């Protein structure tokens, strides 16, 4: 689906129409787009994003604070009541924050109350770049920051949120980077060749669950036809790749013990760069395996 506007169209709009077109990029803050309109024409979408961020940073601190306070709590009462912007509803819903259990609601409410008491505004994080466990860990970590440090951290996260919203709305040259990629391949080091037909499963690991994200099979080049994750930010968190390497070596006619020394090989790894490329290969024999972060 194409974005509603092109950068060229936005550059040619009247200032009021430009502000109306982009007024929802920053939560309840159409004044950001109004201020950025004066910087046109923008050569790239990245330039537009940076101009909008500059407008936020140039605002008086009391206006910035009011801006922060206009954001909804994560998993809070406003979220459950549905009284949020459509973008925030979709963003929190993508992580299931509108479908929390009673115990999870209690934890989020306690964290929200502690955070609000210290800083005077809601905890803000770009949920599309995080797993639920990573958000909770950041909630705990950032509550221990100084007020000055957390004020800056909140504005940084707003920049990430706005960047994702902007690229969904504006087509044009110089798009800011918003997507990451997770890929893999399997090498049979007994033959020195790629390993086709290996079943691979990718899981997200959480404190209370191990959720299957995707399942696929390697092609003739020992790779997958599509990235395991692509076209979106990689959510920070802990993951596990499971390779059915025992089945592969049986099909190759390798003599294996019963049970096989290696059957399903798990690789557990962390993702900390939502816009990064994580290539996590498996190099295997029936008796050993290794991995690394490739490119």
Protein backbone atom coordinates (compact mmCIF):
# COMPACT_ATOMS: atom_id res chain seq x y z
CA UNK A 1 0.00 0.00 0.00
CA UNK A 2 1.42 3.38 -0.98
CA UNK A 3 1.69 6.21 1.50
CA UNK A 4 -1.05 8.89 1.40
CA UNK A 5 1.36 11.68 0.43
CA UNK A 6 4.53 12.20 -1.54
CA UNK A 7 7.22 14.53 -0.27
CA UNK A 8 6.78 16.65 -3.39
CA UNK A 9 3.07 17.08 -2.64
CA UNK A 10 3.79 18.13 0.94
CA UNK A 11 6.39 20.65 -0.21
CA UNK A 12 3.79 22.32 -2.46
CA UNK A 13 0.89 22.46 0.01
CA UNK A 14 -0.25 25.60 1.76
CA UNK A 15 1.21 25.74 5.28
CA UNK A 16 -2.16 25.02 6.89
CA UNK A 17 -2.74 22.01 4.64
CA UNK A 18 0.79 20.73 5.33
CA UNK A 19 0.16 20.98 9.08
CA UNK A 20 -3.18 19.21 8.71
CA UNK A 21 -1.60 16.40 6.68
CA UNK A 22 1.11 15.68 9.29
CA UNK A 23 -0.57 16.89 12.46
CA UNK A 24 -0.95 13.38 13.89
CA UNK A 25 2.70 12.32 13.49
CA UNK A 26 3.44 13.60 16.99
CA UNK A 27 0.88 12.63 19.62
CA UNK A 28 -1.72 15.38 20.20
CA UNK A 29 0.81 17.96 18.96
CA UNK A 30 -0.16 19.49 15.58
CA UNK A 31 2.05 22.46 16.48
CA UNK A 32 5.10 20.36 15.55
CA UNK A 33 4.01 20.11 11.92
CA UNK A 34 3.02 23.78 11.92
CA UNK A 35 6.52 24.76 13.04
CA UNK A 36 8.23 22.42 10.57
CA UNK A 37 6.25 23.85 7.62
CA UNK A 38 8.49 26.93 7.60
CA UNK A 39 11.51 24.77 6.70
CA UNK A 40 10.19 23.66 3.30
CA UNK A 41 11.07 22.53 0.74
CA UNK A 42 12.56 19.34 2.16
CA UNK A 43 14.91 17.40 -0.09
CA UNK A 44 14.40 14.08 1.73
CA UNK A 45 11.95 12.47 4.13
CA UNK A 46 14.84 12.29 6.61
CA UNK A 47 15.18 16.08 6.39
CA UNK A 48 11.48 16.41 7.15
CA UNK A 49 11.77 14.10 10.16
CA UNK A 50 14.76 16.02 11.48
CA UNK A 51 12.96 19.35 11.05
CA UNK A 52 10.01 18.07 13.07
CA UNK A 53 12.33 16.83 15.83
CA UNK A 54 14.11 20.19 15.80
CA UNK A 55 10.76 21.92 16.33
CA UNK A 56 10.16 19.78 19.44
CA UNK A 57 13.66 20.43 20.80
CA UNK A 58 13.33 24.19 20.18
CA UNK A 59 10.08 24.46 22.14
CA UNK A 60 10.17 25.89 25.68
CA UNK A 61 10.51 23.25 28.37
CA UNK A 62 6.99 23.82 29.71
CA UNK A 63 5.61 23.12 26.22
CA UNK A 64 7.80 20.02 25.92
CA UNK A 65 6.53 18.80 29.29
CA UNK A 66 2.90 19.32 28.25
CA UNK A 67 3.73 17.42 25.07
CA UNK A 68 5.11 14.46 27.03
CA UNK A 69 2.07 14.48 29.29
CA UNK A 70 -0.16 14.14 26.23
CA UNK A 71 1.08 10.61 25.61
CA UNK A 72 -0.90 7.62 26.94
CA UNK A 73 0.36 5.22 29.59
CA UNK A 74 1.46 1.80 28.41
CA UNK A 75 -1.16 -0.78 29.27
CA UNK A 76 -2.93 1.81 31.42
CA UNK A 77 -6.54 2.75 31.93
CA UNK A 78 -6.61 5.04 28.90
CA UNK A 79 -5.38 2.20 26.70
CA UNK A 80 -8.01 -0.19 27.99
CA UNK A 81 -10.76 2.40 27.68
CA UNK A 82 -9.82 3.00 24.04
CA UNK A 83 -9.31 6.74 24.59
CA UNK A 84 -6.14 7.02 22.50
CA UNK A 85 -5.20 8.14 19.01
CA UNK A 86 -5.61 5.53 16.29
CA UNK A 87 -1.84 5.26 15.88
CA UNK A 88 -1.28 4.62 19.60
CA UNK A 89 -4.08 2.05 19.66
CA UNK A 90 -2.44 0.16 16.78
CA UNK A 91 1.06 0.45 18.24
CA UNK A 92 0.11 -0.78 21.72
CA UNK A 93 -2.20 -3.41 20.22
CA UNK A 94 0.64 -4.81 18.11
CA UNK A 95 2.28 -5.92 21.35
CA UNK A 96 -0.93 -7.04 23.04
CA UNK A 97 -0.88 -4.21 25.59
CA UNK A 98 -4.64 -3.88 25.13
CA UNK A 99 -5.10 -7.54 26.07
CA UNK A 100 -3.19 -7.84 29.32
CA UNK A 101 -4.04 -10.37 32.00
CA UNK A 102 -5.10 -9.10 35.43
CA UNK A 103 -1.61 -9.81 36.78
CA UNK A 104 0.03 -7.96 33.88
CA UNK A 105 -2.35 -5.02 34.31
CA UNK A 106 -1.35 -4.85 37.96
CA UNK A 107 2.36 -4.80 37.10
CA UNK A 108 1.96 -2.09 34.46
CA UNK A 109 -0.17 0.02 36.80
CA UNK A 110 2.43 -0.24 39.57
CA UNK A 111 5.23 0.71 37.16
CA UNK A 112 3.20 3.58 35.70
CA UNK A 113 2.42 4.96 39.15
CA UNK A 114 6.05 4.79 40.28
CA UNK A 115 7.27 6.41 37.08
CA UNK A 116 4.64 9.17 37.11
CA UNK A 117 5.39 9.98 40.75
CA UNK A 118 9.06 10.50 39.92
CA UNK A 119 8.91 12.24 36.54
CA UNK A 120 5.44 13.76 36.21
CA UNK A 121 4.72 12.35 32.74
CA UNK A 122 3.98 8.87 31.30
CA UNK A 123 6.64 6.34 30.39
CA UNK A 124 7.17 6.62 26.62
CA UNK A 125 8.82 4.00 24.46
CA UNK A 126 8.51 2.97 20.81
CA UNK A 127 6.70 -0.32 21.34
CA UNK A 128 7.21 -1.38 17.72
CA UNK A 129 10.95 -1.70 18.45
CA UNK A 130 10.54 -3.81 21.64
CA UNK A 131 9.30 -7.14 22.93
CA UNK A 132 7.05 -7.02 25.98
CA UNK A 133 9.84 -8.30 28.25
CA UNK A 134 12.23 -5.66 26.88
CA UNK A 135 9.68 -2.93 27.60
CA UNK A 136 9.30 -4.06 31.19
CA UNK A 137 13.08 -4.16 31.62
CA UNK A 138 13.37 -0.63 30.18
CA UNK A 139 10.54 0.51 32.44
CA UNK A 140 12.56 -0.62 35.46
CA UNK A 141 15.88 0.72 34.18
CA UNK A 142 14.68 4.13 33.12
CA UNK A 143 12.77 4.77 36.32
CA UNK A 144 16.20 4.91 37.99
CA UNK A 145 17.47 7.64 35.64
CA UNK A 146 17.77 11.28 36.67
CA UNK A 147 14.85 13.55 35.66
CA UNK A 148 17.10 15.23 33.09
CA UNK A 149 18.27 11.93 31.66
CA UNK A 150 14.76 10.52 31.44
CA UNK A 151 13.37 13.68 29.85
CA UNK A 152 15.93 13.27 27.07
CA UNK A 153 15.25 9.52 26.80
CA UNK A 154 11.51 10.16 26.38
CA UNK A 155 12.13 12.66 23.58
CA UNK A 156 14.44 10.18 21.85
CA UNK A 157 11.74 7.50 21.93
CA UNK A 158 9.21 9.98 20.54
CA UNK A 159 11.61 10.49 17.65
CA UNK A 160 11.55 6.73 16.95
CA UNK A 161 7.74 6.67 17.10
CA UNK A 162 7.40 9.67 14.78
CA UNK A 163 9.90 8.23 12.30
CA UNK A 164 7.82 5.06 11.87
CA UNK A 165 4.61 7.04 11.54
CA UNK A 166 6.18 9.40 9.02
CA UNK A 167 7.50 6.72 6.66
CA UNK A 168 4.04 5.11 6.66
CA UNK A 169 2.53 8.42 5.56
CA UNK A 170 5.10 9.97 3.20
CA UNK A 171 6.76 8.56 0.08
CA UNK A 172 9.88 10.26 -1.17
CA UNK A 173 13.66 10.16 -1.47
CA UNK A 174 15.93 9.73 1.52
CA UNK A 175 13.63 7.68 3.71
CA UNK A 176 15.00 7.27 7.25
CA UNK A 177 15.89 3.70 8.14
CA UNK A 178 13.10 2.03 10.06
CA UNK A 179 13.45 -1.70 9.33
CA UNK A 180 15.80 -4.47 10.38
CA UNK A 181 16.44 -7.97 9.11
CA UNK A 182 16.99 -11.36 10.70
CA UNK A 183 18.37 -14.08 8.44
CA UNK A 184 20.13 -17.43 8.67
CA UNK A 185 21.73 -20.18 6.64
CA UNK A 186 22.89 -23.73 7.37
CA UNK A 187 26.24 -25.17 6.27
CA UNK A 188 26.99 -28.90 6.40
CA UNK A 189 30.66 -28.78 7.37
CA UNK A 190 31.14 -32.51 6.86
CA UNK A 191 30.72 -31.93 3.12
CA UNK A 192 31.57 -28.23 2.98
CA UNK A 193 28.24 -27.53 1.26
CA UNK A 194 24.99 -25.71 2.05
CA UNK A 195 22.38 -27.83 3.81
CA UNK A 196 19.01 -27.87 2.01
CA UNK A 197 15.73 -29.00 3.57
CA UNK A 198 16.57 -28.15 7.19
CA UNK A 199 13.46 -27.26 9.16
CA UNK A 200 13.96 -24.06 11.17
CA UNK A 201 11.71 -22.57 13.83
CA UNK A 202 12.12 -19.09 15.31
CA UNK A 203 10.83 -18.33 18.81
CA UNK A 204 10.58 -15.20 20.92
CA UNK A 205 11.55 -16.00 24.50
CA UNK A 206 9.71 -14.24 27.31
CA UNK A 207 9.69 -14.51 31.07
CA UNK A 208 6.61 -16.71 31.00
CA UNK A 209 6.34 -18.01 27.45
CA UNK A 210 8.17 -19.23 24.35
CA UNK A 211 6.22 -17.98 21.36
CA UNK A 212 6.65 -19.34 17.83
CA UNK A 213 7.21 -16.51 15.32
CA UNK A 214 7.80 -18.46 12.11
CA UNK A 215 8.71 -21.87 10.73
CA UNK A 216 10.52 -22.46 7.44
CA UNK A 217 12.85 -24.80 5.51
CA UNK A 218 16.22 -24.05 3.94
CA UNK A 219 16.43 -23.95 0.15
CA UNK A 220 19.08 -25.42 -2.14
CA UNK A 221 21.52 -22.72 -1.06
CA UNK A 222 21.06 -23.57 2.62
CA UNK A 223 19.21 -20.29 3.14
CA UNK A 224 15.58 -19.31 3.57
CA UNK A 225 13.63 -17.85 0.65
CA UNK A 226 12.64 -14.85 2.77
CA UNK A 227 14.25 -13.25 5.85
CA UNK A 228 13.00 -14.70 9.11
CA UNK A 229 11.99 -11.15 9.99
CA UNK A 230 12.10 -8.26 7.55
CA UNK A 231 10.29 -5.13 6.45
CA UNK A 232 9.78 -3.92 10.02
CA UNK A 233 11.87 -3.06 13.07
CA UNK A 234 13.40 -6.02 14.90
CA UNK A 235 11.96 -5.99 18.40
CA UNK A 236 14.64 -5.84 21.09
CA UNK A 237 14.56 -9.05 23.09
CA UNK A 238 15.72 -12.65 23.36
CA UNK A 239 15.11 -15.16 20.59
CA UNK A 240 15.85 -18.79 19.80
CA UNK A 241 16.42 -20.51 16.47
CA UNK A 242 15.81 -24.26 16.46
CA UNK A 243 17.37 -26.31 13.64
CA UNK A 244 16.21 -29.89 12.95
CA UNK A 245 19.74 -30.92 12.05
CA UNK A 246 19.35 -34.60 13.03
CA UNK A 247 16.63 -35.12 10.42
CA UNK A 248 18.85 -33.49 7.81
CA UNK A 249 21.82 -35.79 8.46
CA UNK A 250 19.56 -38.86 8.44
CA UNK A 251 18.38 -37.92 4.96
CA UNK A 252 22.03 -37.56 3.91
CA UNK A 253 22.67 -41.16 4.95
CA UNK A 254 24.96 -40.22 7.83
CA UNK A 255 25.24 -43.05 10.39
CA UNK A 256 23.80 -41.62 13.61
CA UNK A 257 23.50 -43.11 17.08
CA UNK A 258 20.08 -43.76 18.56
CA UNK A 259 19.34 -41.27 19.92
CA UNK A 260 21.44 -38.96 17.77
CA UNK A 261 24.05 -36.85 19.54
CA UNK A 262 22.60 -33.74 17.88
CA UNK A 263 18.96 -33.68 16.88
CA UNK A 264 17.30 -30.28 17.35
CA UNK A 265 19.98 -27.61 17.78
CA UNK A 266 18.87 -24.42 19.61
CA UNK A 267 20.67 -21.10 19.19
CA UNK A 268 19.63 -18.47 21.74
CA UNK A 269 20.58 -14.87 21.00
CA UNK A 270 19.61 -11.31 21.79
CA UNK A 271 18.58 -8.46 19.51
CA UNK A 272 19.49 -4.94 20.64
CA UNK A 273 19.45 -3.02 17.30
CA UNK A 274 15.93 -2.75 15.87
CA UNK A 275 17.19 -1.39 12.55
CA UNK A 276 20.18 -3.75 12.37
CA UNK A 277 20.88 -6.87 10.32
CA UNK A 278 21.30 -10.02 12.39
CA UNK A 279 22.53 -13.00 10.39
CA UNK A 280 22.65 -16.08 12.63
CA UNK A 281 23.96 -19.10 10.71
CA UNK A 282 24.48 -22.70 11.80
CA UNK A 283 27.62 -24.63 10.82
CA UNK A 284 27.08 -28.25 11.77
CA UNK A 285 28.28 -31.84 11.68
CA UNK A 286 26.45 -34.74 13.34
CA UNK A 287 28.67 -34.16 16.41
CA UNK A 288 29.33 -30.41 16.61
CA UNK A 289 28.03 -26.98 15.66
CA UNK A 290 29.04 -23.32 15.77
CA UNK A 291 27.55 -19.93 14.97
CA UNK A 292 28.45 -16.27 14.74
CA UNK A 293 26.80 -12.95 13.93
CA UNK A 294 27.31 -12.52 10.22
CA UNK A 295 26.30 -9.93 7.66
